[in-house]
PDB file of N, CA and C in Angstrom:
ATOM      1  N   MET A   1       4.021 -44.903 -77.510  1.00  0.00           N
ATOM      2  CA  MET A   1       2.779 -45.529 -76.799  1.00  0.00           C
ATOM      3  C   MET A   1       1.592 -44.726 -76.980  1.00  0.00           C
ATOM      4  N   GLU A   2       0.718 -45.443 -77.192  1.00  0.00           N
ATOM      5  CA  GLU A   2      -0.613 -44.849 -77.534  1.00  0.00           C
ATOM      6  C   GLU A   2      -1.360 -44.711 -76.169  1.00  0.00           C
ATOM      7  N   SER A   3      -1.981 -43.511 -75.687  1.00  0.00           N
ATOM      8  CA  SER A   3      -2.810 -43.281 -74.482  1.00  0.00           C
ATOM      9  C   SER A   3      -4.182 -43.773 -74.788  1.00  0.00           C
ATOM     10  N   LYS A   4      -4.394 -44.504 -73.654  1.00  0.00           N
ATOM     11  CA  LYS A   4      -5.682 -45.393 -73.330  1.00  0.00           C
ATOM     12  C   LYS A   4      -6.593 -44.393 -73.044  1.00  0.00           C
ATOM     13  N   LYS A   5      -7.843 -45.085 -73.401  1.00  0.00           N
ATOM     14  CA  LYS A   5      -9.014 -44.367 -72.648  1.00  0.00           C
ATOM     15  C   LYS A   5      -9.887 -45.474 -71.937  1.00  0.00           C
ATOM     16  N   LEU A   6     -10.433 -45.179 -70.953  1.00  0.00           N
ATOM     17  CA  LEU A   6     -11.236 -46.325 -69.939  1.00  0.00           C
ATOM     18  C   LEU A   6     -12.591 -45.758 -70.378  1.00  0.00           C
ATOM     19  N   THR A   7     -13.586 -46.870 -70.266  1.00  0.00           N
ATOM     20  CA  THR A   7     -14.965 -46.492 -70.401  1.00  0.00           C
ATOM     21  C   THR A   7     -15.584 -47.148 -69.314  1.00  0.00           C
ATOM     22  N   ALA A   8     -16.594 -46.189 -68.717  1.00  0.00           N
ATOM     23  CA  ALA A   8     -17.124 -46.619 -67.236  1.00  0.00           C
ATOM     24  C   ALA A   8     -18.304 -47.792 -67.813  1.00  0.00           C
ATOM     25  N   CYS A   9     -18.679 -48.644 -66.782  1.00  0.00           N
ATOM     26  CA  CYS A   9     -19.635 -49.790 -67.183  1.00  0.00           C
ATOM     27  C   CYS A   9     -21.109 -49.208 -66.948  1.00  0.00           C
ATOM     28  N   LYS A  10     -21.661 -49.635 -67.436  1.00  0.00           N
ATOM     29  CA  LYS A  10     -23.353 -49.599 -67.051  1.00  0.00           C
ATOM     30  C   LYS A  10     -23.660 -49.444 -65.952  1.00  0.00           C
ATOM     31  N   GLY A  11     -24.214 -48.037 -65.420  1.00  0.00           N
ATOM     32  CA  GLY A  11     -24.753 -47.843 -63.886  1.00  0.00           C
ATOM     33  C   GLY A  11     -23.453 -47.148 -63.197  1.00  0.00           C
ATOM     34  N   LYS A  12     -22.625 -46.996 -64.002  1.00  0.00           N
ATOM     35  CA  LYS A  12     -20.963 -46.396 -63.251  1.00  0.00           C
ATOM     36  C   LYS A  12     -20.645 -45.319 -63.908  1.00  0.00           C
ATOM     37  N   VAL A  13     -20.111 -44.229 -63.074  1.00  0.00           N
ATOM     38  CA  VAL A  13     -19.144 -43.022 -63.800  1.00  0.00           C
ATOM     39  C   VAL A  13     -18.229 -43.204 -63.315  1.00  0.00           C
ATOM     40  N   LEU A  14     -17.023 -42.846 -64.186  1.00  0.00           N
ATOM     41  CA  LEU A  14     -15.667 -43.002 -63.715  1.00  0.00           C
ATOM     42  C   LEU A  14     -15.215 -41.458 -63.566  1.00  0.00           C
ATOM     43  N   VAL A  15     -14.266 -40.767 -62.560  1.00  0.00           N
ATOM     44  CA  VAL A  15     -14.379 -39.320 -62.754  1.00  0.00           C
ATOM     45  C   VAL A  15     -12.838 -39.278 -62.451  1.00  0.00           C
ATOM     46  N   SER A  16     -12.392 -38.468 -62.583  1.00  0.00           N
ATOM     47  CA  SER A  16     -11.224 -37.763 -62.095  1.00  0.00           C
ATOM     48  C   SER A  16     -11.124 -36.282 -61.574  1.00  0.00           C
ATOM     49  N   ASN A  17      -9.853 -35.994 -61.015  1.00  0.00           N
ATOM     50  CA  ASN A  17      -9.550 -34.810 -60.210  1.00  0.00           C
ATOM     51  C   ASN A  17     -10.579 -34.523 -58.928  1.00  0.00           C
ATOM     52  N   LEU A  18     -10.920 -36.130 -57.996  1.00  0.00           N
ATOM     53  CA  LEU A  18     -11.546 -35.980 -57.180  1.00  0.00           C
ATOM     54  C   LEU A  18     -11.055 -35.085 -55.773  1.00  0.00           C
ATOM     55  N   ASP A  19     -11.563 -34.228 -55.099  1.00  0.00           N
ATOM     56  CA  ASP A  19     -11.000 -33.275 -54.122  1.00  0.00           C
ATOM     57  C   ASP A  19     -10.779 -34.361 -52.855  1.00  0.00           C
ATOM     58  N   SER A  20      -9.096 -34.197 -52.855  1.00  0.00           N
ATOM     59  CA  SER A  20      -8.987 -34.612 -51.401  1.00  0.00           C
ATOM     60  C   SER A  20      -7.879 -33.912 -50.580  1.00  0.00           C
ATOM     61  N   GLY A  21      -7.427 -33.893 -49.430  1.00  0.00           N
ATOM     62  CA  GLY A  21      -6.649 -33.326 -48.727  1.00  0.00           C
ATOM     63  C   GLY A  21      -7.335 -32.010 -48.001  1.00  0.00           C
ATOM     64  N   GLU A  22      -6.444 -31.299 -47.565  1.00  0.00           N
ATOM     65  CA  GLU A  22      -7.239 -30.295 -46.884  1.00  0.00           C
ATOM     66  C   GLU A  22      -7.630 -29.291 -47.583  1.00  0.00           C
ATOM     67  N   GLN A  23      -8.759 -28.620 -47.348  1.00  0.00           N
ATOM     68  CA  GLN A  23      -9.737 -27.855 -48.232  1.00  0.00           C
ATOM     69  C   GLN A  23      -9.953 -26.924 -47.516  1.00  0.00           C
ATOM     70  N   LYS A  24     -10.361 -25.724 -48.370  1.00  0.00           N
ATOM     71  CA  LYS A  24     -10.722 -24.091 -47.773  1.00  0.00           C
ATOM     72  C   LYS A  24     -12.069 -23.751 -48.905  1.00  0.00           C
ATOM     73  N   THR A  25     -12.692 -23.513 -48.054  1.00  0.00           N
ATOM     74  CA  THR A  25     -13.914 -22.546 -48.377  1.00  0.00           C
ATOM     75  C   THR A  25     -13.569 -21.287 -49.001  1.00  0.00           C
ATOM     76  N   LEU A  26     -14.380 -20.088 -49.825  1.00  0.00           N
ATOM     77  CA  LEU A  26     -14.271 -19.127 -50.039  1.00  0.00           C
ATOM     78  C   LEU A  26     -14.421 -18.373 -48.684  1.00  0.00           C
ATOM     79  N   GLY A  27     -15.250 -18.953 -47.842  1.00  0.00           N
ATOM     80  CA  GLY A  27     -15.235 -17.820 -46.588  1.00  0.00           C
ATOM     81  C   GLY A  27     -14.185 -18.044 -45.805  1.00  0.00           C
ATOM     82  N   GLY A  28     -12.999 -18.668 -46.009  1.00  0.00           N
ATOM     83  CA  GLY A  28     -11.581 -18.852 -45.615  1.00  0.00           C
ATOM     84  C   GLY A  28     -12.009 -20.319 -44.440  1.00  0.00           C
ATOM     85  N   ILE A  29     -13.125 -21.113 -44.220  1.00  0.00           N
ATOM     86  CA  ILE A  29     -12.931 -22.145 -43.769  1.00  0.00           C
ATOM     87  C   ILE A  29     -12.191 -23.414 -43.956  1.00  0.00           C
ATOM     88  N   ILE A  30     -11.302 -23.920 -43.024  1.00  0.00           N
ATOM     89  CA  ILE A  30     -10.478 -24.918 -43.491  1.00  0.00           C
ATOM     90  C   ILE A  30     -11.125 -26.067 -42.825  1.00  0.00           C
ATOM     91  N   ILE A  31     -10.960 -27.187 -44.268  1.00  0.00           N
ATOM     92  CA  ILE A  31     -11.490 -28.501 -43.526  1.00  0.00           C
ATOM     93  C   ILE A  31     -10.226 -29.083 -43.602  1.00  0.00           C
ATOM     94  N   SER A  32     -10.029 -30.107 -42.469  1.00  0.00           N
ATOM     95  CA  SER A  32      -8.687 -30.568 -42.487  1.00  0.00           C
ATOM     96  C   SER A  32      -8.835 -32.229 -42.994  1.00  0.00           C
ATOM     97  N   ASN A  33      -7.749 -32.541 -43.488  1.00  0.00           N
ATOM     98  CA  ASN A  33      -7.287 -33.693 -43.992  1.00  0.00           C
ATOM     99  C   ASN A  33      -7.743 -34.854 -43.222  1.00  0.00           C
ATOM    100  N   ASP A  34      -8.894 -35.163 -42.499  1.00  0.00           N
ATOM    101  CA  ASP A  34      -8.928 -36.521 -41.374  1.00  0.00           C
ATOM    102  C   ASP A  34     -10.203 -37.302 -41.909  1.00  0.00           C
ATOM    103  N   ASP A  35      -9.926 -37.577 -43.249  1.00  0.00           N
ATOM    104  CA  ASP A  35     -11.282 -38.564 -43.679  1.00  0.00           C
ATOM    105  C   ASP A  35     -11.435 -39.618 -42.593  1.00  0.00           C
ATOM    106  N   GLY A  36     -10.437 -40.528 -42.256  1.00  0.00           N
ATOM    107  CA  GLY A  36     -10.800 -41.299 -41.160  1.00  0.00           C
ATOM    108  C   GLY A  36     -11.551 -41.381 -39.772  1.00  0.00           C
ATOM    109  N   LYS A  37     -12.283 -40.185 -39.664  1.00  0.00           N
ATOM    110  CA  LYS A  37     -12.487 -39.673 -38.383  1.00  0.00           C
ATOM    111  C   LYS A  37     -13.944 -38.981 -38.806  1.00  0.00           C
ATOM    112  N   LEU A  38     -14.761 -39.271 -37.893  1.00  0.00           N
ATOM    113  CA  LEU A  38     -16.086 -38.682 -38.568  1.00  0.00           C
ATOM    114  C   LEU A  38     -16.197 -37.256 -39.016  1.00  0.00           C
ATOM    115  N   ARG A  39     -15.299 -36.583 -38.365  1.00  0.00           N
ATOM    116  CA  ARG A  39     -15.738 -34.913 -38.629  1.00  0.00           C
ATOM    117  C   ARG A  39     -14.997 -34.878 -39.799  1.00  0.00           C
ATOM    118  N   GLY A  40     -14.390 -36.035 -40.708  1.00  0.00           N
ATOM    119  CA  GLY A  40     -13.645 -35.412 -41.856  1.00  0.00           C
ATOM    120  C   GLY A  40     -14.670 -35.968 -42.977  1.00  0.00           C
ATOM    121  N   ILE A  41     -15.738 -36.691 -42.732  1.00  0.00           N
ATOM    122  CA  ILE A  41     -16.497 -36.967 -43.704  1.00  0.00           C
ATOM    123  C   ILE A  41     -17.618 -35.778 -44.119  1.00  0.00           C
ATOM    124  N   HIS A  42     -17.390 -35.895 -45.515  1.00  0.00           N
ATOM    125  CA  HIS A  42     -18.243 -34.906 -46.432  1.00  0.00           C
ATOM    126  C   HIS A  42     -17.833 -34.996 -47.901  1.00  0.00           C
ATOM    127  N   SER A  43     -18.924 -34.615 -48.701  1.00  0.00           N
ATOM    128  CA  SER A  43     -19.232 -35.366 -49.848  1.00  0.00           C
ATOM    129  C   SER A  43     -17.876 -34.464 -50.836  1.00  0.00           C
ATOM    130  N   ARG A  44     -17.272 -34.944 -51.944  1.00  0.00           N
ATOM    131  CA  ARG A  44     -16.540 -34.195 -52.750  1.00  0.00           C
ATOM    132  C   ARG A  44     -16.914 -34.180 -54.387  1.00  0.00           C
ATOM    133  N   TRP A  45     -16.540 -33.079 -54.618  1.00  0.00           N
ATOM    134  CA  TRP A  45     -16.511 -32.725 -55.908  1.00  0.00           C
ATOM    135  C   TRP A  45     -15.545 -33.534 -57.099  1.00  0.00           C
ATOM    136  N   ALA A  46     -16.036 -33.951 -58.175  1.00  0.00           N
ATOM    137  CA  ALA A  46     -14.818 -34.899 -59.177  1.00  0.00           C
ATOM    138  C   ALA A  46     -15.330 -34.531 -60.521  1.00  0.00           C
ATOM    139  N   LYS A  47     -14.175 -34.363 -61.574  1.00  0.00           N
ATOM    140  CA  LYS A  47     -15.358 -34.403 -62.841  1.00  0.00           C
ATOM    141  C   LYS A  47     -14.961 -35.460 -63.520  1.00  0.00           C
ATOM    142  N   VAL A  48     -16.045 -35.716 -64.107  1.00  0.00           N
ATOM    143  CA  VAL A  48     -16.581 -36.571 -65.069  1.00  0.00           C
ATOM    144  C   VAL A  48     -15.696 -36.972 -66.008  1.00  0.00           C
ATOM    145  N   TYR A  49     -14.826 -38.219 -65.748  1.00  0.00           N
ATOM    146  CA  TYR A  49     -14.141 -38.920 -67.235  1.00  0.00           C
ATOM    147  C   TYR A  49     -14.847 -39.721 -68.422  1.00  0.00           C
ATOM    148  N   SER A  50     -15.621 -40.150 -67.679  1.00  0.00           N
ATOM    149  CA  SER A  50     -16.425 -41.448 -68.594  1.00  0.00           C
ATOM    150  C   SER A  50     -18.219 -41.815 -68.156  1.00  0.00           C
ATOM    151  N   VAL A  51     -18.863 -42.265 -68.894  1.00  0.00           N
ATOM    152  CA  VAL A  51     -20.190 -42.416 -68.256  1.00  0.00           C
ATOM    153  C   VAL A  51     -20.571 -43.723 -68.956  1.00  0.00           C
ATOM    154  N   GLY A  52     -21.440 -44.788 -67.919  1.00  0.00           N
ATOM    155  CA  GLY A  52     -21.732 -45.580 -68.554  1.00  0.00           C
ATOM    156  C   GLY A  52     -23.046 -45.502 -69.473  1.00  0.00           C
ATOM    157  N   GLU A  53     -23.083 -46.632 -70.080  1.00  0.00           N
ATOM    158  CA  GLU A  53     -24.073 -46.444 -71.532  1.00  0.00           C
ATOM    159  C   GLU A  53     -25.291 -45.992 -71.503  1.00  0.00           C
ATOM    160  N   ASP A  54     -26.150 -46.497 -69.867  1.00  0.00           N
ATOM    161  CA  ASP A  54     -27.322 -46.103 -69.687  1.00  0.00           C
ATOM    162  C   ASP A  54     -27.545 -44.742 -68.964  1.00  0.00           C
ATOM    163  N   ILE A  55     -26.380 -43.848 -68.808  1.00  0.00           N
ATOM    164  CA  ILE A  55     -26.750 -42.688 -68.057  1.00  0.00           C
ATOM    165  C   ILE A  55     -26.834 -41.615 -68.730  1.00  0.00           C
ATOM    166  N   THR A  56     -27.810 -40.824 -68.931  1.00  0.00           N
ATOM    167  CA  THR A  56     -27.939 -39.850 -70.057  1.00  0.00           C
ATOM    168  C   THR A  56     -28.485 -38.585 -69.340  1.00  0.00           C
ATOM    169  N   ASP A  57     -28.121 -38.432 -68.285  1.00  0.00           N
ATOM    170  CA  ASP A  57     -28.838 -36.815 -67.767  1.00  0.00           C
ATOM    171  C   ASP A  57     -27.091 -36.179 -67.142  1.00  0.00           C
ATOM    172  N   ILE A  58     -26.027 -37.059 -67.344  1.00  0.00           N
ATOM    173  CA  ILE A  58     -24.751 -35.876 -67.104  1.00  0.00           C
ATOM    174  C   ILE A  58     -23.881 -36.537 -68.022  1.00  0.00           C
ATOM    175  N   LYS A  59     -22.835 -35.922 -68.512  1.00  0.00           N
ATOM    176  CA  LYS A  59     -21.737 -35.614 -69.870  1.00  0.00           C
ATOM    177  C   LYS A  59     -20.670 -35.854 -69.330  1.00  0.00           C
ATOM    178  N   GLU A  60     -19.434 -36.261 -69.971  1.00  0.00           N
ATOM    179  CA  GLU A  60     -18.038 -36.305 -69.800  1.00  0.00           C
ATOM    180  C   GLU A  60     -17.761 -35.008 -70.151  1.00  0.00           C
ATOM    181  N   GLY A  61     -16.897 -34.755 -68.771  1.00  0.00           N
ATOM    182  CA  GLY A  61     -16.611 -33.007 -69.005  1.00  0.00           C
ATOM    183  C   GLY A  61     -17.135 -32.328 -67.475  1.00  0.00           C
ATOM    184  N   GLU A  62     -18.276 -32.658 -67.371  1.00  0.00           N
ATOM    185  CA  GLU A  62     -19.331 -32.137 -66.167  1.00  0.00           C
ATOM    186  C   GLU A  62     -18.118 -32.251 -64.658  1.00  0.00           C
ATOM    187  N   TRP A  63     -19.133 -31.444 -63.720  1.00  0.00           N
ATOM    188  CA  TRP A  63     -18.565 -31.798 -62.289  1.00  0.00           C
ATOM    189  C   TRP A  63     -19.798 -32.503 -61.488  1.00  0.00           C
ATOM    190  N   ILE A  64     -19.607 -33.628 -60.376  1.00  0.00           N
ATOM    191  CA  ILE A  64     -20.380 -34.421 -59.610  1.00  0.00           C
ATOM    192  C   ILE A  64     -20.027 -33.865 -58.386  1.00  0.00           C
ATOM    193  N   LEU A  65     -21.069 -33.819 -57.720  1.00  0.00           N
ATOM    194  CA  LEU A  65     -20.798 -33.856 -56.059  1.00  0.00           C
ATOM    195  C   LEU A  65     -20.709 -35.639 -55.700  1.00  0.00           C
ATOM    196  N   VAL A  66     -20.061 -35.914 -55.339  1.00  0.00           N
ATOM    197  CA  VAL A  66     -19.919 -37.398 -54.865  1.00  0.00           C
ATOM    198  C   VAL A  66     -20.322 -37.480 -53.537  1.00  0.00           C
ATOM    199  N   GLU A  67     -21.081 -38.458 -53.003  1.00  0.00           N
ATOM    200  CA  GLU A  67     -21.366 -38.902 -51.377  1.00  0.00           C
ATOM    201  C   GLU A  67     -20.288 -39.403 -50.859  1.00  0.00           C
ATOM    202  N   HIS A  68     -19.780 -38.855 -49.844  1.00  0.00           N
ATOM    203  CA  HIS A  68     -18.999 -39.406 -49.155  1.00  0.00           C
ATOM    204  C   HIS A  68     -18.862 -41.184 -48.760  1.00  0.00           C
ATOM    205  N   GLY A  69     -17.479 -41.639 -49.323  1.00  0.00           N
ATOM    206  CA  GLY A  69     -17.315 -43.034 -49.397  1.00  0.00           C
ATOM    207  C   GLY A  69     -17.961 -43.644 -50.348  1.00  0.00           C
ATOM    208  N   ARG A  70     -18.392 -42.947 -51.625  1.00  0.00           N
ATOM    209  CA  ARG A  70     -19.341 -44.012 -52.891  1.00  0.00           C
ATOM    210  C   ARG A  70     -18.511 -43.679 -53.757  1.00  0.00           C
ATOM    211  N   TRP A  71     -16.898 -43.586 -53.703  1.00  0.00           N
ATOM    212  CA  TRP A  71     -15.786 -43.654 -54.923  1.00  0.00           C
ATOM    213  C   TRP A  71     -15.062 -44.983 -54.454  1.00  0.00           C
ATOM    214  N   SER A  72     -14.501 -45.359 -55.650  1.00  0.00           N
ATOM    215  CA  SER A  72     -14.031 -46.530 -55.661  1.00  0.00           C
ATOM    216  C   SER A  72     -12.157 -46.473 -54.797  1.00  0.00           C
ATOM    217  N   ARG A  73     -11.088 -46.860 -54.869  1.00  0.00           N
ATOM    218  CA  ARG A  73      -9.514 -46.809 -54.517  1.00  0.00           C
ATOM    219  C   ARG A  73      -9.445 -46.062 -55.995  1.00  0.00           C
ATOM    220  N   THR A  74      -8.339 -45.112 -55.857  1.00  0.00           N
ATOM    221  CA  THR A  74      -7.757 -44.392 -57.076  1.00  0.00           C
ATOM    222  C   THR A  74      -7.043 -45.529 -57.907  1.00  0.00           C
ATOM    223  N   ILE A  75      -7.198 -45.639 -59.054  1.00  0.00           N
ATOM    224  CA  ILE A  75      -6.391 -46.257 -60.271  1.00  0.00           C
ATOM    225  C   ILE A  75      -5.881 -45.226 -60.982  1.00  0.00           C
ATOM    226  N   MET A  76      -4.604 -45.565 -61.227  1.00  0.00           N
ATOM    227  CA  MET A  76      -3.850 -44.532 -62.305  1.00  0.00           C
ATOM    228  C   MET A  76      -3.727 -45.096 -63.889  1.00  0.00           C
ATOM    229  N   LEU A  77      -3.929 -43.928 -64.759  1.00  0.00           N
ATOM    230  CA  LEU A  77      -4.562 -44.052 -66.353  1.00  0.00           C
ATOM    231  C   LEU A  77      -3.701 -43.163 -66.719  1.00  0.00           C
ATOM    232  N   ASP A  78      -2.338 -43.813 -67.626  1.00  0.00           N
ATOM    233  CA  ASP A  78      -1.507 -42.366 -67.982  1.00  0.00           C
ATOM    234  C   ASP A  78      -1.566 -41.363 -67.107  1.00  0.00           C
ATOM    235  N   GLY A  79      -1.081 -41.513 -65.970  1.00  0.00           N
ATOM    236  CA  GLY A  79      -0.910 -40.404 -65.093  1.00  0.00           C
ATOM    237  C   GLY A  79      -1.932 -39.567 -64.711  1.00  0.00           C
ATOM    238  N   THR A  80      -3.105 -40.267 -64.831  1.00  0.00           N
ATOM    239  CA  THR A  80      -4.433 -39.370 -64.578  1.00  0.00           C
ATOM    240  C   THR A  80      -4.856 -40.338 -63.108  1.00  0.00           C
ATOM    241  N   ALA A  81      -5.518 -39.976 -62.333  1.00  0.00           N
ATOM    242  CA  ALA A  81      -6.018 -40.415 -61.152  1.00  0.00           C
ATOM    243  C   ALA A  81      -7.289 -40.760 -61.191  1.00  0.00           C
ATOM    244  N   LEU A  82      -8.084 -41.750 -61.615  1.00  0.00           N
ATOM    245  CA  LEU A  82      -9.462 -41.823 -61.967  1.00  0.00           C
ATOM    246  C   LEU A  82     -10.028 -43.099 -60.541  1.00  0.00           C
ATOM    247  N   ASN A  83     -11.473 -42.367 -60.446  1.00  0.00           N
ATOM    248  CA  ASN A  83     -12.068 -43.185 -59.283  1.00  0.00           C
ATOM    249  C   ASN A  83     -13.666 -43.675 -59.888  1.00  0.00           C
ATOM    250  N   LEU A  84     -13.920 -44.937 -59.424  1.00  0.00           N
ATOM    251  CA  LEU A  84     -15.463 -45.096 -59.926  1.00  0.00           C
ATOM    252  C   LEU A  84     -16.426 -44.929 -58.850  1.00  0.00           C
ATOM    253  N   VAL A  85     -17.659 -44.121 -59.346  1.00  0.00           N
ATOM    254  CA  VAL A  85     -18.719 -43.968 -58.741  1.00  0.00           C
ATOM    255  C   VAL A  85     -20.158 -44.521 -59.118  1.00  0.00           C
ATOM    256  N   ASP A  86     -21.126 -45.159 -58.175  1.00  0.00           N
ATOM    257  CA  ASP A  86     -22.474 -46.010 -58.586  1.00  0.00           C
ATOM    258  C   ASP A  86     -22.616 -44.776 -58.969  1.00  0.00           C
ATOM    259  N   TYR A  87     -24.022 -45.040 -60.208  1.00  0.00           N
ATOM    260  CA  TYR A  87     -25.021 -43.896 -60.462  1.00  0.00           C
ATOM    261  C   TYR A  87     -25.846 -44.635 -59.951  1.00  0.00           C
ATOM    262  N   PRO A  88     -27.251 -43.759 -59.914  1.00  0.00           N
ATOM    263  CA  PRO A  88     -27.202 -42.686 -59.153  1.00  0.00           C
ATOM    264  C   PRO A  88     -27.009 -42.818 -57.918  1.00  0.00           C
ATOM    265  N   LYS A  89     -26.939 -43.794 -57.010  1.00  0.00           N
ATOM    266  CA  LYS A  89     -27.000 -43.816 -55.340  1.00  0.00           C
ATOM    267  C   LYS A  89     -25.866 -42.754 -55.221  1.00  0.00           C
ATOM    268  N   GLY A  90     -24.521 -42.750 -55.663  1.00  0.00           N
ATOM    269  CA  GLY A  90     -23.691 -41.782 -55.124  1.00  0.00           C
ATOM    270  C   GLY A  90     -23.319 -40.433 -55.353  1.00  0.00           C
ATOM    271  N   VAL A  91     -24.079 -40.192 -56.767  1.00  0.00           N
ATOM    272  CA  VAL A  91     -24.175 -38.971 -57.069  1.00  0.00           C
ATOM    273  C   VAL A  91     -25.071 -38.074 -56.422  1.00  0.00           C
ATOM    274  N   LEU A  92     -24.634 -36.844 -55.911  1.00  0.00           N
ATOM    275  CA  LEU A  92     -25.937 -36.127 -55.376  1.00  0.00           C
ATOM    276  C   LEU A  92     -26.374 -34.657 -56.565  1.00  0.00           C
ATOM    277  N   CYS A  93     -25.603 -34.183 -56.911  1.00  0.00           N
ATOM    278  CA  CYS A  93     -25.511 -33.440 -58.074  1.00  0.00           C
ATOM    279  C   CYS A  93     -24.648 -33.441 -59.596  1.00  0.00           C
ATOM    280  N   ALA A  94     -24.790 -32.530 -60.313  1.00  0.00           N
ATOM    281  CA  ALA A  94     -23.870 -32.085 -61.191  1.00  0.00           C
ATOM    282  C   ALA A  94     -23.709 -30.616 -61.799  1.00  0.00           C
ATOM    283  N   SER A  95     -22.812 -30.116 -62.400  1.00  0.00           N
ATOM    284  CA  SER A  95     -22.588 -28.880 -62.479  1.00  0.00           C
ATOM    285  C   SER A  95     -21.796 -28.835 -63.887  1.00  0.00           C
ATOM    286  N   PRO A  96     -22.200 -28.110 -64.753  1.00  0.00           N
ATOM    287  CA  PRO A  96     -21.028 -27.855 -66.343  1.00  0.00           C
ATOM    288  C   PRO A  96     -19.693 -27.495 -65.815  1.00  0.00           C
ATOM    289  N   GLU A  97     -19.514 -26.389 -64.637  1.00  0.00           N
ATOM    290  CA  GLU A  97     -18.355 -26.129 -64.363  1.00  0.00           C
ATOM    291  C   GLU A  97     -18.210 -26.766 -62.937  1.00  0.00           C
ATOM    292  N   ARG A  98     -16.894 -26.082 -62.783  1.00  0.00           N
ATOM    293  CA  ARG A  98     -16.364 -26.483 -61.512  1.00  0.00           C
ATOM    294  C   ARG A  98     -16.691 -25.764 -60.762  1.00  0.00           C
ATOM    295  N   PRO A  99     -17.802 -25.833 -59.196  1.00  0.00           N
ATOM    296  CA  PRO A  99     -18.263 -25.140 -58.351  1.00  0.00           C
ATOM    297  C   PRO A  99     -17.361 -24.398 -57.656  1.00  0.00           C
ATOM    298  N   GLU A 100     -17.572 -23.210 -56.934  1.00  0.00           N
ATOM    299  CA  GLU A 100     -16.390 -22.283 -56.266  1.00  0.00           C
ATOM    300  C   GLU A 100     -17.055 -22.171 -55.023  1.00  0.00           C
ATOM    301  N   GLY A 101     -16.107 -21.959 -53.920  1.00  0.00           N
ATOM    302  CA  GLY A 101     -16.741 -21.564 -52.377  1.00  0.00           C
ATOM    303  C   GLY A 101     -17.716 -22.822 -51.791  1.00  0.00           C
ATOM    304  N   TYR A 102     -17.707 -24.212 -52.043  1.00  0.00           N
ATOM    305  CA  TYR A 102     -17.945 -25.024 -51.592  1.00  0.00           C
ATOM    306  C   TYR A 102     -17.325 -26.259 -50.820  1.00  0.00           C
ATOM    307  N   ILE A 103     -17.776 -26.617 -49.803  1.00  0.00           N
ATOM    308  CA  ILE A 103     -16.854 -27.907 -49.096  1.00  0.00           C
ATOM    309  C   ILE A 103     -16.911 -28.890 -49.683  1.00  0.00           C
ATOM    310  N   GLY A 104     -15.640 -29.308 -50.263  1.00  0.00           N
ATOM    311  CA  GLY A 104     -15.474 -30.528 -51.024  1.00  0.00           C
ATOM    312  C   GLY A 104     -14.593 -29.864 -52.130  1.00  0.00           C
ATOM    313  N   LEU A 105     -14.116 -28.581 -52.650  1.00  0.00           N
ATOM    314  CA  LEU A 105     -13.341 -27.993 -53.260  1.00  0.00           C
ATOM    315  C   LEU A 105     -11.809 -27.957 -52.654  1.00  0.00           C
ATOM    316  N   GLY A 106     -10.896 -28.549 -53.396  1.00  0.00           N
ATOM    317  CA  GLY A 106      -9.719 -27.855 -53.341  1.00  0.00           C
ATOM    318  C   GLY A 106      -8.978 -26.731 -52.940  1.00  0.00           C
ATOM    319  N   LYS A 107      -8.134 -26.329 -52.210  1.00  0.00           N
ATOM    320  CA  LYS A 107      -7.335 -25.097 -51.960  1.00  0.00           C
ATOM    321  C   LYS A 107      -7.301 -24.053 -53.444  1.00  0.00           C
TER     322      LYS A 107
END
């Protein structure tokens, strides 16, 4: 069976590796997995899987910081968990590499 590739629609970014669960900063601060509560609300890093045709300032493979709650429910494609993000509304910043030591990074 051939592997499929999804492409984000205009004005959207499709991401993988969206950080979730308990997280720990480089300084040792543990952020619990309590997303349903006010104290669990924080932005999360995700890797760009695909960008919509009108988006020119971020590229596939980069990492973006997604504002809390600005991602869709998870869909699975060939064992990869993907989420859809509104652009630019849900994207706070971008990085060519996965940032280290910031809230929103997995263990």
